[in-house]
């Protein structure tokens, strides 16, 4: 239940666009309050004060910390693309470029700036280079075309 709630919360968070600095600060406070509540939820209205299971606690902490880090990135400055990408990869090491794009959209960064920041992220963090990406996608496209033609010829002959 908590995992589903947190995932819904993250989805709702990404749909908030644009988010002002004040809005991000308030969302960060709300996120922290939700995290605190979720961590205490297993013992709410219980006469026995027990510690929640470690798996539950770790799951809540991990996902809610991710939400907090996303909001910290929304609040951060984007003076330098290099500094922003460095901070992003440090705060959200398990993220990817599609999540980065959502953060940039929350910050209301222009599309052109988004493209350069995402490209820098892909090059530095994900290890992609524009030439490699284009070559790979071209190869995949040609290979799919080859398979289609091969299948068509096979069906035509038989």
N, C-alpha and C. Protein backbone atom coordinates (compact mmCIF):
# COMPACT_ATOMS: atom_id res chain seq x y z
N UNK A 1 0.82 -1.19 0.00
CA UNK A 1 0.00 0.00 0.00
C UNK A 1 0.87 1.26 0.00
N UNK A 2 1.88 1.26 0.87
CA UNK A 2 2.75 2.43 0.95
C UNK A 2 3.52 2.62 -0.36
N UNK A 3 3.98 1.53 -0.95
CA UNK A 3 4.72 1.62 -2.21
C UNK A 3 3.83 2.20 -3.31
N UNK A 4 2.60 1.74 -3.37
CA UNK A 4 1.67 2.27 -4.38
C UNK A 4 1.40 3.75 -4.15
N UNK A 5 1.23 4.12 -2.89
CA UNK A 5 0.98 5.52 -2.56
C UNK A 5 2.16 6.40 -2.96
N UNK A 6 3.37 5.92 -2.67
CA UNK A 6 4.57 6.69 -3.00
C UNK A 6 4.74 6.80 -4.51
N UNK A 7 4.48 5.72 -5.24
CA UNK A 7 4.58 5.77 -6.70
C UNK A 7 3.56 6.73 -7.30
N UNK A 8 2.35 6.73 -6.76
CA UNK A 8 1.33 7.69 -7.20
C UNK A 8 1.78 9.12 -6.88
N UNK A 9 2.38 9.29 -5.72
CA UNK A 9 2.87 10.60 -5.32
C UNK A 9 3.95 11.09 -6.29
N UNK A 10 4.90 10.21 -6.64
CA UNK A 10 5.95 10.58 -7.59
C UNK A 10 5.34 10.95 -8.95
N UNK A 11 4.36 10.17 -9.39
CA UNK A 11 3.69 10.48 -10.65
C UNK A 11 3.01 11.84 -10.62
N UNK A 12 2.34 12.12 -9.50
CA UNK A 12 1.67 13.42 -9.35
C UNK A 12 2.69 14.55 -9.28
N UNK A 13 3.81 14.28 -8.65
CA UNK A 13 4.87 15.27 -8.54
C UNK A 13 5.39 15.67 -9.92
N UNK A 14 5.60 14.68 -10.78
CA UNK A 14 6.10 14.95 -12.12
C UNK A 14 5.08 15.69 -12.99
N UNK A 15 3.81 15.58 -12.65
CA UNK A 15 2.79 16.29 -13.43
C UNK A 15 2.67 17.76 -13.04
N UNK A 16 3.32 18.15 -11.96
CA UNK A 16 3.30 19.55 -11.52
C UNK A 16 4.28 20.35 -12.37
N UNK A 17 3.77 21.19 -13.26
CA UNK A 17 4.64 21.99 -14.11
C UNK A 17 3.99 23.32 -14.39
N UNK A 18 4.70 24.35 -14.41
CA UNK A 18 6.01 24.55 -13.80
C UNK A 18 5.86 24.72 -12.29
N UNK A 19 6.95 24.45 -11.59
CA UNK A 19 6.95 24.57 -10.13
C UNK A 19 7.90 25.71 -9.77
N UNK A 20 7.37 26.69 -9.05
CA UNK A 20 8.19 27.83 -8.62
C UNK A 20 9.07 27.39 -7.45
N UNK A 21 10.01 28.22 -7.10
CA UNK A 21 10.90 27.94 -5.97
C UNK A 21 10.08 27.77 -4.69
N UNK A 22 9.15 28.67 -4.46
CA UNK A 22 8.30 28.59 -3.27
C UNK A 22 7.44 27.32 -3.30
N UNK A 23 6.91 27.00 -4.46
CA UNK A 23 6.11 25.78 -4.61
C UNK A 23 6.93 24.53 -4.34
N UNK A 24 8.17 24.51 -4.83
CA UNK A 24 9.06 23.37 -4.60
C UNK A 24 9.41 23.24 -3.12
N UNK A 25 9.62 24.37 -2.45
CA UNK A 25 9.91 24.34 -1.02
C UNK A 25 8.73 23.76 -0.25
N UNK A 26 7.51 24.18 -0.61
CA UNK A 26 6.32 23.66 0.08
C UNK A 26 6.14 22.18 -0.22
N UNK A 27 6.35 21.78 -1.47
CA UNK A 27 6.25 20.37 -1.82
C UNK A 27 7.29 19.54 -1.07
N UNK A 28 8.47 20.10 -0.87
CA UNK A 28 9.51 19.40 -0.12
C UNK A 28 9.08 19.20 1.33
N UNK A 29 8.48 20.22 1.93
CA UNK A 29 7.96 20.08 3.30
C UNK A 29 6.85 19.03 3.35
N UNK A 30 5.96 19.07 2.37
CA UNK A 30 4.87 18.09 2.31
C UNK A 30 5.41 16.67 2.12
N UNK A 31 6.44 16.55 1.30
CA UNK A 31 7.06 15.25 1.05
C UNK A 31 7.67 14.70 2.34
N UNK A 32 8.35 15.56 3.07
CA UNK A 32 8.94 15.13 4.34
C UNK A 32 7.85 14.71 5.33
N UNK A 33 6.75 15.45 5.37
CA UNK A 33 5.64 15.09 6.26
C UNK A 33 5.04 13.75 5.87
N UNK A 34 4.87 13.53 4.57
CA UNK A 34 4.34 12.25 4.09
C UNK A 34 5.29 11.11 4.44
N UNK A 35 6.57 11.33 4.28
CA UNK A 35 7.58 10.33 4.61
C UNK A 35 7.50 9.98 6.10
N UNK A 36 7.41 10.99 6.94
CA UNK A 36 7.31 10.77 8.39
C UNK A 36 6.05 9.99 8.73
N UNK A 37 4.93 10.36 8.11
CA UNK A 37 3.68 9.64 8.35
C UNK A 37 3.78 8.19 7.90
N UNK A 38 4.30 7.95 6.70
CA UNK A 38 4.40 6.58 6.19
C UNK A 38 5.30 5.72 7.07
N UNK A 39 6.34 6.31 7.62
CA UNK A 39 7.22 5.54 8.50
C UNK A 39 6.55 5.20 9.83
N UNK A 40 5.61 6.03 10.26
CA UNK A 40 4.91 5.76 11.52
C UNK A 40 3.60 5.00 11.29
N UNK A 41 3.18 4.86 10.04
CA UNK A 41 1.88 4.27 9.72
C UNK A 41 1.67 2.86 10.28
N UNK A 42 2.66 1.97 10.24
CA UNK A 42 2.39 0.62 10.76
C UNK A 42 1.99 0.59 12.24
N UNK A 43 2.34 1.62 13.01
CA UNK A 43 2.00 1.61 14.44
C UNK A 43 0.94 2.65 14.81
N UNK A 44 0.28 3.25 13.82
CA UNK A 44 -0.76 4.24 14.10
C UNK A 44 -1.93 3.54 14.80
N UNK A 45 -2.40 4.14 15.88
CA UNK A 45 -3.51 3.63 16.69
C UNK A 45 -3.26 2.23 17.21
N UNK A 46 -2.01 1.87 17.41
CA UNK A 46 -1.68 0.57 17.97
C UNK A 46 -1.30 0.77 19.43
N UNK A 47 -1.81 -0.11 20.28
CA UNK A 47 -1.47 0.00 21.70
C UNK A 47 -0.05 -0.47 21.97
N UNK A 48 0.47 -1.28 21.06
CA UNK A 48 1.84 -1.77 21.20
C UNK A 48 2.72 -0.99 20.22
N UNK A 49 3.75 -0.40 20.75
CA UNK A 49 4.67 0.36 19.89
C UNK A 49 5.72 -0.59 19.33
N UNK A 50 5.56 -0.96 18.08
CA UNK A 50 6.51 -1.85 17.44
C UNK A 50 7.19 -1.14 16.28
N UNK A 51 8.34 -1.63 15.98
CA UNK A 51 9.11 -1.07 14.88
C UNK A 51 8.63 -1.72 13.58
N UNK A 52 8.40 -0.91 12.52
CA UNK A 52 7.96 -1.50 11.25
C UNK A 52 9.05 -2.38 10.65
N UNK A 53 8.67 -3.32 9.79
CA UNK A 53 9.67 -4.20 9.16
C UNK A 53 10.72 -3.38 8.40
N UNK A 54 11.93 -3.87 8.41
CA UNK A 54 13.04 -3.19 7.76
C UNK A 54 12.80 -3.00 6.26
N UNK A 55 12.21 -4.00 5.63
CA UNK A 55 11.93 -3.91 4.19
C UNK A 55 10.99 -2.74 3.92
N UNK A 56 9.97 -2.60 4.75
CA UNK A 56 9.02 -1.50 4.61
C UNK A 56 9.72 -0.16 4.80
N UNK A 57 10.47 -0.05 5.89
CA UNK A 57 11.17 1.20 6.20
C UNK A 57 12.13 1.58 5.08
N UNK A 58 12.92 0.61 4.63
CA UNK A 58 13.89 0.88 3.55
C UNK A 58 13.20 1.31 2.27
N UNK A 59 12.08 0.66 1.93
CA UNK A 59 11.34 1.03 0.72
C UNK A 59 10.79 2.44 0.79
N UNK A 60 10.20 2.79 1.92
CA UNK A 60 9.64 4.13 2.09
C UNK A 60 10.76 5.17 2.05
N UNK A 61 11.83 4.92 2.79
CA UNK A 61 12.94 5.88 2.84
C UNK A 61 13.54 6.08 1.45
N UNK A 62 13.75 4.99 0.72
CA UNK A 62 14.37 5.09 -0.61
C UNK A 62 13.51 5.90 -1.58
N UNK A 63 12.23 5.57 -1.65
CA UNK A 63 11.39 6.26 -2.63
C UNK A 63 11.07 7.69 -2.23
N UNK A 64 10.86 7.93 -0.96
CA UNK A 64 10.56 9.30 -0.52
C UNK A 64 11.81 10.17 -0.59
N UNK A 65 12.97 9.59 -0.34
CA UNK A 65 14.22 10.34 -0.50
C UNK A 65 14.40 10.73 -1.96
N UNK A 66 14.03 9.84 -2.86
CA UNK A 66 14.09 10.16 -4.29
C UNK A 66 13.21 11.36 -4.60
N UNK A 67 12.00 11.37 -4.06
CA UNK A 67 11.09 12.51 -4.27
C UNK A 67 11.70 13.79 -3.71
N UNK A 68 12.33 13.70 -2.55
CA UNK A 68 12.97 14.87 -1.95
C UNK A 68 14.12 15.38 -2.82
N UNK A 69 14.91 14.46 -3.36
CA UNK A 69 16.03 14.86 -4.21
C UNK A 69 15.54 15.48 -5.52
N UNK A 70 14.45 14.97 -6.05
CA UNK A 70 13.86 15.56 -7.26
C UNK A 70 13.48 17.01 -6.99
N UNK A 71 12.84 17.23 -5.85
CA UNK A 71 12.43 18.60 -5.50
C UNK A 71 13.63 19.50 -5.24
N UNK A 72 14.68 18.95 -4.66
CA UNK A 72 15.90 19.75 -4.46
C UNK A 72 16.50 20.16 -5.80
N UNK A 73 16.41 19.27 -6.80
CA UNK A 73 16.91 19.62 -8.13
C UNK A 73 16.01 20.67 -8.78
N UNK A 74 14.72 20.61 -8.52
CA UNK A 74 13.81 21.64 -9.05
C UNK A 74 14.15 22.99 -8.43
N UNK A 75 14.57 22.98 -7.17
CA UNK A 75 14.91 24.22 -6.47
C UNK A 75 16.31 24.74 -6.84
N UNK A 76 17.14 23.89 -7.42
CA UNK A 76 18.53 24.28 -7.68
C UNK A 76 18.65 25.22 -8.88
N UNK A 77 19.78 25.91 -8.93
CA UNK A 77 20.08 26.84 -10.03
C UNK A 77 20.54 26.05 -11.25
N UNK A 78 20.30 26.61 -12.43
CA UNK A 78 20.78 25.99 -13.67
C UNK A 78 21.69 26.96 -14.42
N UNK A 79 22.55 27.64 -13.68
CA UNK A 79 23.47 28.58 -14.32
C UNK A 79 24.40 27.89 -15.30
N UNK A 80 24.88 26.72 -14.91
CA UNK A 80 25.80 25.96 -15.74
C UNK A 80 25.23 24.56 -15.95
N UNK A 81 25.16 24.13 -17.20
CA UNK A 81 24.64 22.79 -17.50
C UNK A 81 25.52 21.72 -16.86
N UNK A 82 26.83 21.93 -16.87
CA UNK A 82 27.76 20.97 -16.29
C UNK A 82 27.53 20.81 -14.79
N UNK A 83 27.37 21.93 -14.09
CA UNK A 83 27.13 21.88 -12.65
C UNK A 83 25.78 21.22 -12.34
N UNK A 84 24.78 21.53 -13.15
CA UNK A 84 23.45 20.95 -12.93
C UNK A 84 23.49 19.44 -13.13
N UNK A 85 24.13 18.99 -14.21
CA UNK A 85 24.23 17.55 -14.49
C UNK A 85 25.02 16.85 -13.39
N UNK A 86 26.08 17.49 -12.93
CA UNK A 86 26.88 16.92 -11.85
C UNK A 86 26.06 16.77 -10.58
N UNK A 87 25.33 17.81 -10.21
CA UNK A 87 24.49 17.77 -9.01
C UNK A 87 23.38 16.73 -9.17
N UNK A 88 22.79 16.68 -10.34
CA UNK A 88 21.70 15.73 -10.60
C UNK A 88 22.20 14.29 -10.44
N UNK A 89 23.33 13.99 -11.04
CA UNK A 89 23.85 12.62 -10.96
C UNK A 89 24.31 12.27 -9.55
N UNK A 90 24.71 13.27 -8.78
CA UNK A 90 25.12 13.04 -7.40
C UNK A 90 23.89 12.78 -6.51
N UNK A 91 22.83 13.57 -6.69
CA UNK A 91 21.63 13.42 -5.86
C UNK A 91 20.74 12.26 -6.30
N UNK A 92 20.73 11.98 -7.59
CA UNK A 92 19.87 10.92 -8.14
C UNK A 92 20.69 9.95 -8.98
N UNK A 93 21.57 9.17 -8.35
CA UNK A 93 22.47 8.31 -9.11
C UNK A 93 21.78 7.20 -9.90
N UNK A 94 20.57 6.81 -9.50
CA UNK A 94 19.86 5.74 -10.20
C UNK A 94 18.87 6.26 -11.23
N UNK A 95 18.95 7.53 -11.54
CA UNK A 95 18.01 8.15 -12.47
C UNK A 95 18.44 7.90 -13.92
N UNK A 96 17.62 8.38 -14.84
CA UNK A 96 17.95 8.29 -16.26
C UNK A 96 17.54 9.58 -16.96
N UNK A 97 17.80 9.64 -18.25
CA UNK A 97 17.56 10.89 -18.99
C UNK A 97 16.08 11.24 -19.11
N UNK A 98 15.20 10.25 -19.11
CA UNK A 98 13.77 10.57 -19.19
C UNK A 98 13.29 11.22 -17.89
N UNK A 99 13.83 10.78 -16.78
CA UNK A 99 13.48 11.41 -15.50
C UNK A 99 14.09 12.81 -15.41
N UNK A 100 15.29 12.95 -15.94
CA UNK A 100 15.92 14.28 -15.98
C UNK A 100 15.05 15.24 -16.79
N UNK A 101 14.51 14.78 -17.89
CA UNK A 101 13.66 15.64 -18.71
C UNK A 101 12.42 16.08 -17.93
N UNK A 102 11.85 15.19 -17.14
CA UNK A 102 10.69 15.55 -16.32
C UNK A 102 11.05 16.62 -15.30
N UNK A 103 12.23 16.50 -14.71
CA UNK A 103 12.69 17.50 -13.74
C UNK A 103 12.87 18.85 -14.44
N UNK A 104 13.46 18.83 -15.63
CA UNK A 104 13.66 20.07 -16.38
C UNK A 104 12.32 20.71 -16.77
N UNK A 105 11.34 19.88 -17.08
CA UNK A 105 10.01 20.41 -17.39
C UNK A 105 9.36 21.01 -16.15
N UNK A 106 9.59 20.39 -14.99
CA UNK A 106 9.07 20.97 -13.74
C UNK A 106 9.70 22.34 -13.48
N UNK A 107 10.96 22.49 -13.87
CA UNK A 107 11.68 23.75 -13.69
C UNK A 107 11.31 24.77 -14.76
N UNK A 108 10.53 24.37 -15.75
CA UNK A 108 10.14 25.23 -16.87
C UNK A 108 11.34 25.70 -17.68
N UNK A 109 12.28 24.79 -17.88
CA UNK A 109 13.45 25.06 -18.72
C UNK A 109 13.00 24.97 -20.18
N UNK A 110 13.47 25.91 -21.00
CA UNK A 110 13.11 25.90 -22.42
C UNK A 110 13.59 24.63 -23.10
N UNK A 111 12.87 24.21 -24.12
CA UNK A 111 13.14 22.97 -24.83
C UNK A 111 14.58 22.90 -25.34
N UNK A 112 15.08 24.00 -25.88
CA UNK A 112 16.44 24.03 -26.42
C UNK A 112 17.48 23.78 -25.32
N UNK A 113 17.29 24.40 -24.16
CA UNK A 113 18.20 24.18 -23.04
C UNK A 113 18.07 22.75 -22.52
N UNK A 114 16.83 22.24 -22.50
CA UNK A 114 16.62 20.86 -22.06
C UNK A 114 17.44 19.90 -22.91
N UNK A 115 17.38 20.12 -24.21
CA UNK A 115 18.09 19.23 -25.14
C UNK A 115 19.58 19.22 -24.86
N UNK A 116 20.17 20.39 -24.64
CA UNK A 116 21.62 20.43 -24.39
C UNK A 116 21.96 19.80 -23.04
N UNK A 117 21.13 20.01 -22.03
CA UNK A 117 21.40 19.42 -20.71
C UNK A 117 21.25 17.90 -20.77
N UNK A 118 20.22 17.43 -21.45
CA UNK A 118 20.00 15.99 -21.56
C UNK A 118 21.12 15.34 -22.37
N UNK A 119 21.55 16.00 -23.43
CA UNK A 119 22.66 15.46 -24.23
C UNK A 119 23.93 15.37 -23.40
N UNK A 120 24.20 16.40 -22.62
CA UNK A 120 25.37 16.40 -21.73
C UNK A 120 25.26 15.26 -20.73
N UNK A 121 24.08 15.07 -20.16
CA UNK A 121 23.84 13.98 -19.19
C UNK A 121 24.09 12.63 -19.85
N UNK A 122 23.55 12.45 -21.04
CA UNK A 122 23.73 11.17 -21.74
C UNK A 122 25.20 10.91 -22.04
N UNK A 123 25.91 11.94 -22.43
CA UNK A 123 27.32 11.79 -22.76
C UNK A 123 28.15 11.49 -21.52
N UNK A 124 27.94 12.26 -20.46
CA UNK A 124 28.75 12.12 -19.25
C UNK A 124 28.34 10.95 -18.37
N UNK A 125 27.05 10.76 -18.19
CA UNK A 125 26.58 9.79 -17.21
C UNK A 125 26.18 8.46 -17.84
N UNK A 126 25.38 8.51 -18.87
CA UNK A 126 24.90 7.27 -19.48
C UNK A 126 25.90 6.70 -20.48
N UNK A 127 26.92 7.47 -20.84
CA UNK A 127 27.96 6.98 -21.72
C UNK A 127 27.60 6.95 -23.19
N UNK A 128 26.58 7.70 -23.58
CA UNK A 128 26.19 7.77 -25.00
C UNK A 128 26.91 8.93 -25.65
N UNK A 129 27.20 8.75 -26.92
CA UNK A 129 27.66 9.89 -27.70
C UNK A 129 26.69 10.02 -28.86
N UNK A 130 26.48 11.22 -29.36
CA UNK A 130 25.52 11.39 -30.45
C UNK A 130 25.81 10.50 -31.64
N UNK A 131 27.07 10.36 -32.01
CA UNK A 131 27.41 9.54 -33.17
C UNK A 131 27.08 8.07 -32.92
N UNK A 132 27.41 7.57 -31.72
CA UNK A 132 27.14 6.18 -31.38
C UNK A 132 25.64 5.92 -31.37
N UNK A 133 24.88 6.82 -30.80
CA UNK A 133 23.42 6.64 -30.74
C UNK A 133 22.84 6.58 -32.13
N UNK A 134 23.26 7.47 -33.02
CA UNK A 134 22.73 7.48 -34.37
C UNK A 134 23.14 6.23 -35.13
N UNK A 135 24.39 5.79 -34.95
CA UNK A 135 24.84 4.59 -35.62
C UNK A 135 24.06 3.39 -35.15
N UNK A 136 23.88 3.27 -33.84
CA UNK A 136 23.15 2.13 -33.30
C UNK A 136 21.71 2.13 -33.78
N UNK A 137 21.04 3.28 -33.74
CA UNK A 137 19.65 3.31 -34.18
C UNK A 137 19.56 3.03 -35.67
N UNK A 138 20.53 3.50 -36.46
CA UNK A 138 20.55 3.22 -37.89
C UNK A 138 20.76 1.74 -38.15
N UNK A 139 21.65 1.13 -37.38
CA UNK A 139 21.90 -0.30 -37.51
C UNK A 139 20.65 -1.10 -37.18
N UNK A 140 20.00 -0.76 -36.09
CA UNK A 140 18.78 -1.46 -35.69
C UNK A 140 17.71 -1.32 -36.76
N UNK A 141 17.56 -0.12 -37.29
CA UNK A 141 16.56 0.12 -38.34
C UNK A 141 16.88 -0.72 -39.58
N UNK A 142 18.14 -0.74 -40.01
CA UNK A 142 18.53 -1.52 -41.19
C UNK A 142 18.33 -3.01 -40.93
N UNK A 143 18.66 -3.45 -39.72
CA UNK A 143 18.50 -4.86 -39.38
C UNK A 143 17.03 -5.26 -39.39
N UNK A 144 16.16 -4.41 -38.85
CA UNK A 144 14.73 -4.69 -38.88
C UNK A 144 14.22 -4.74 -40.31
N UNK A 145 14.69 -3.84 -41.15
CA UNK A 145 14.31 -3.84 -42.56
C UNK A 145 14.78 -5.12 -43.23
N UNK A 146 16.01 -5.55 -42.93
CA UNK A 146 16.55 -6.78 -43.48
C UNK A 146 15.67 -7.97 -43.08
N UNK A 147 15.28 -8.05 -41.80
CA UNK A 147 14.42 -9.14 -41.34
C UNK A 147 13.07 -9.12 -42.03
N UNK A 148 12.52 -7.93 -42.21
CA UNK A 148 11.23 -7.81 -42.89
C UNK A 148 11.33 -8.31 -44.33
N UNK A 149 12.35 -7.87 -45.05
CA UNK A 149 12.53 -8.28 -46.45
C UNK A 149 12.78 -9.78 -46.52
N UNK A 150 13.62 -10.29 -45.62
CA UNK A 150 13.91 -11.72 -45.59
C UNK A 150 12.64 -12.52 -45.35
N UNK A 151 11.81 -12.09 -44.42
CA UNK A 151 10.54 -12.78 -44.13
C UNK A 151 9.61 -12.72 -45.33
N UNK A 152 9.56 -11.55 -45.97
CA UNK A 152 8.71 -11.38 -47.14
C UNK A 152 9.15 -12.32 -48.27
N UNK A 153 10.44 -12.40 -48.55
CA UNK A 153 10.96 -13.28 -49.61
C UNK A 153 10.67 -14.73 -49.26
N UNK A 154 10.87 -15.08 -48.00
CA UNK A 154 10.62 -16.45 -47.57
C UNK A 154 9.15 -16.82 -47.80
N UNK A 155 8.24 -15.92 -47.45
CA UNK A 155 6.81 -16.19 -47.65
C UNK A 155 6.47 -16.26 -49.14
N UNK A 156 7.11 -15.41 -49.94
CA UNK A 156 6.85 -15.36 -51.37
C UNK A 156 7.32 -16.64 -52.05
N UNK A 157 8.46 -17.17 -51.65
CA UNK A 157 9.02 -18.38 -52.26
C UNK A 157 8.21 -19.60 -51.86
N UNK A 158 7.77 -19.67 -50.64
CA UNK A 158 7.03 -20.84 -50.16
C UNK A 158 5.60 -20.67 -50.41
